[in-house]
Amino acid sequence: MKMITELRRKSQVTIPKGIVTKLKLQEGDKLEIYEQNGEIHIVPVVVYPIGYVESLKEEISRLRRGNR
């Protein structure tokens, strides 16, 4: 799905409603924005607290060692 949007004051853009609906985006969702080969990419992401990520790493390591 391709649509045209306009760069607004303060470098803001509006994501077209059709894309928001298709991707089930909601107010407050985090989006990663980066440039690659002259193109702008916007990718939805999930952000977790570092403590949660560290505890998951520890749990994965424990499971790999077989220490259930």
C-alpha atoms as a PDB file:
ATOM      1  CA  MET A   1       0.000   0.000   0.000  1.00  0.00           C
ATOM      2  CA  LYS A   2       1.530   3.311  -1.075  1.00  0.00           C
ATOM      3  CA  MET A   3       0.156   6.727  -0.224  1.00  0.00           C
ATOM      4  CA  ILE A   4       1.446  10.271  -0.378  1.00  0.00           C
ATOM      5  CA  THR A   5       1.730  12.391   2.747  1.00  0.00           C
ATOM      6  CA  GLU A   6       3.181  15.833   3.363  1.00  0.00           C
ATOM      7  CA  LEU A   7       6.061  16.949   5.573  1.00  0.00           C
ATOM      8  CA  ARG A   8       4.600  19.442   8.036  1.00  0.00           C
ATOM      9  CA  ARG A   9       5.978  22.076  10.350  1.00  0.00           C
ATOM     10  CA  LYS A  10       8.376  20.619  12.946  1.00  0.00           C
ATOM     11  CA  SER A  11       9.198  17.763  10.504  1.00  0.00           C
ATOM     12  CA  GLN A  12       5.942  15.938  11.285  1.00  0.00           C
ATOM     13  CA  VAL A  13       4.180  13.528   8.939  1.00  0.00           C
ATOM     14  CA  THR A  14       0.798  11.855   9.220  1.00  0.00           C
ATOM     15  CA  ILE A  15       0.662   8.121   8.618  1.00  0.00           C
ATOM     16  CA  PRO A  16      -2.330   7.466   6.380  1.00  0.00           C
ATOM     17  CA  LYS A  17      -5.335   5.895   8.133  1.00  0.00           C
ATOM     18  CA  GLY A  18      -5.293   2.831   5.853  1.00  0.00           C
ATOM     19  CA  ILE A  19      -1.753   1.953   6.958  1.00  0.00           C
ATOM     20  CA  VAL A  20      -2.530   2.634  10.626  1.00  0.00           C
ATOM     21  CA  THR A  21      -5.541   0.333  10.405  1.00  0.00           C
ATOM     22  CA  LYS A  22      -3.749  -2.420   8.464  1.00  0.00           C
ATOM     23  CA  LEU A  23      -0.843  -2.502  10.946  1.00  0.00           C
ATOM     24  CA  LYS A  24      -3.188  -2.071  13.944  1.00  0.00           C
ATOM     25  CA  LEU A  25      -1.162   0.888  15.201  1.00  0.00           C
ATOM     26  CA  GLN A  26      -2.409   2.845  18.200  1.00  0.00           C
ATOM     27  CA  GLU A  27      -1.574   6.168  19.787  1.00  0.00           C
ATOM     28  CA  GLY A  28       1.580   5.770  21.858  1.00  0.00           C
ATOM     29  CA  ASP A  29       3.050   2.911  19.792  1.00  0.00           C
ATOM     30  CA  LYS A  30       6.791   3.205  19.217  1.00  0.00           C
ATOM     31  CA  LEU A  31       8.171   3.501  15.689  1.00  0.00           C
ATOM     32  CA  GLU A  32      11.788   3.146  14.591  1.00  0.00           C
ATOM     33  CA  ILE A  33      12.687   5.577  11.805  1.00  0.00           C
ATOM     34  CA  TYR A  34      15.843   5.257   9.756  1.00  0.00           C
ATOM     35  CA  GLU A  35      17.291   6.186   6.379  1.00  0.00           C
ATOM     36  CA  GLN A  36      18.751   3.565   4.070  1.00  0.00           C
ATOM     37  CA  ASN A  37      19.917   4.176   0.506  1.00  0.00           C
ATOM     38  CA  GLY A  38      17.997   7.448   0.269  1.00  0.00           C
ATOM     39  CA  GLU A  39      14.734   5.944   1.561  1.00  0.00           C
ATOM     40  CA  ILE A  40      12.987   6.604   4.876  1.00  0.00           C
ATOM     41  CA  HIS A  41      11.812   3.479   6.677  1.00  0.00           C
ATOM     42  CA  ILE A  42       9.308   3.499   9.554  1.00  0.00           C
ATOM     43  CA  VAL A  43       9.012   0.227  11.480  1.00  0.00           C
ATOM     44  CA  PRO A  44       6.751  -0.493  14.471  1.00  0.00           C
ATOM     45  CA  VAL A  45       8.741  -1.744  17.479  1.00  0.00           C
ATOM     46  CA  VAL A  46       8.085  -2.982  20.985  1.00  0.00           C
ATOM     47  CA  VAL A  47      10.192  -1.499  23.778  1.00  0.00           C
ATOM     48  CA  TYR A  48      10.790  -3.483  26.984  1.00  0.00           C
ATOM     49  CA  PRO A  49      12.475  -2.288  30.185  1.00  0.00           C
ATOM     50  CA  ILE A  50      16.128  -3.391  30.322  1.00  0.00           C
ATOM     51  CA  GLY A  51      15.520  -5.328  33.552  1.00  0.00           C
ATOM     52  CA  TYR A  52      12.886  -7.449  31.822  1.00  0.00           C
ATOM     53  CA  VAL A  53      15.202  -8.142  28.881  1.00  0.00           C
ATOM     54  CA  GLU A  54      18.040  -9.115  31.222  1.00  0.00           C
ATOM     55  CA  SER A  55      15.785 -11.518  33.134  1.00  0.00           C
ATOM     56  CA  LEU A  56      14.725 -13.125  29.842  1.00  0.00           C
ATOM     57  CA  LYS A  57      18.388 -13.565  28.859  1.00  0.00           C
ATOM     58  CA  GLU A  58      19.098 -15.253  32.180  1.00  0.00           C
ATOM     59  CA  GLU A  59      16.090 -17.546  31.790  1.00  0.00           C
ATOM     60  CA  ILE A  60      17.122 -18.529  28.253  1.00  0.00           C
ATOM     61  CA  SER A  61      20.674 -19.274  29.428  1.00  0.00           C
ATOM     62  CA  ARG A  62      19.330 -21.379  32.283  1.00  0.00           C
ATOM     63  CA  LEU A  63      17.056 -23.344  29.940  1.00  0.00           C
ATOM     64  CA  ARG A  64      19.895 -23.935  27.462  1.00  0.00           C
ATOM     65  CA  ARG A  65      22.013 -25.370  30.259  1.00  0.00           C
ATOM     66  CA  GLY A  66      19.136 -27.704  31.102  1.00  0.00           C
ATOM     67  CA  ASN A  67      18.660 -26.354  34.648  1.00  0.00           C
ATOM     68  CA  ARG A  68      14.900 -26.190  34.745  1.00  0.00           C
END
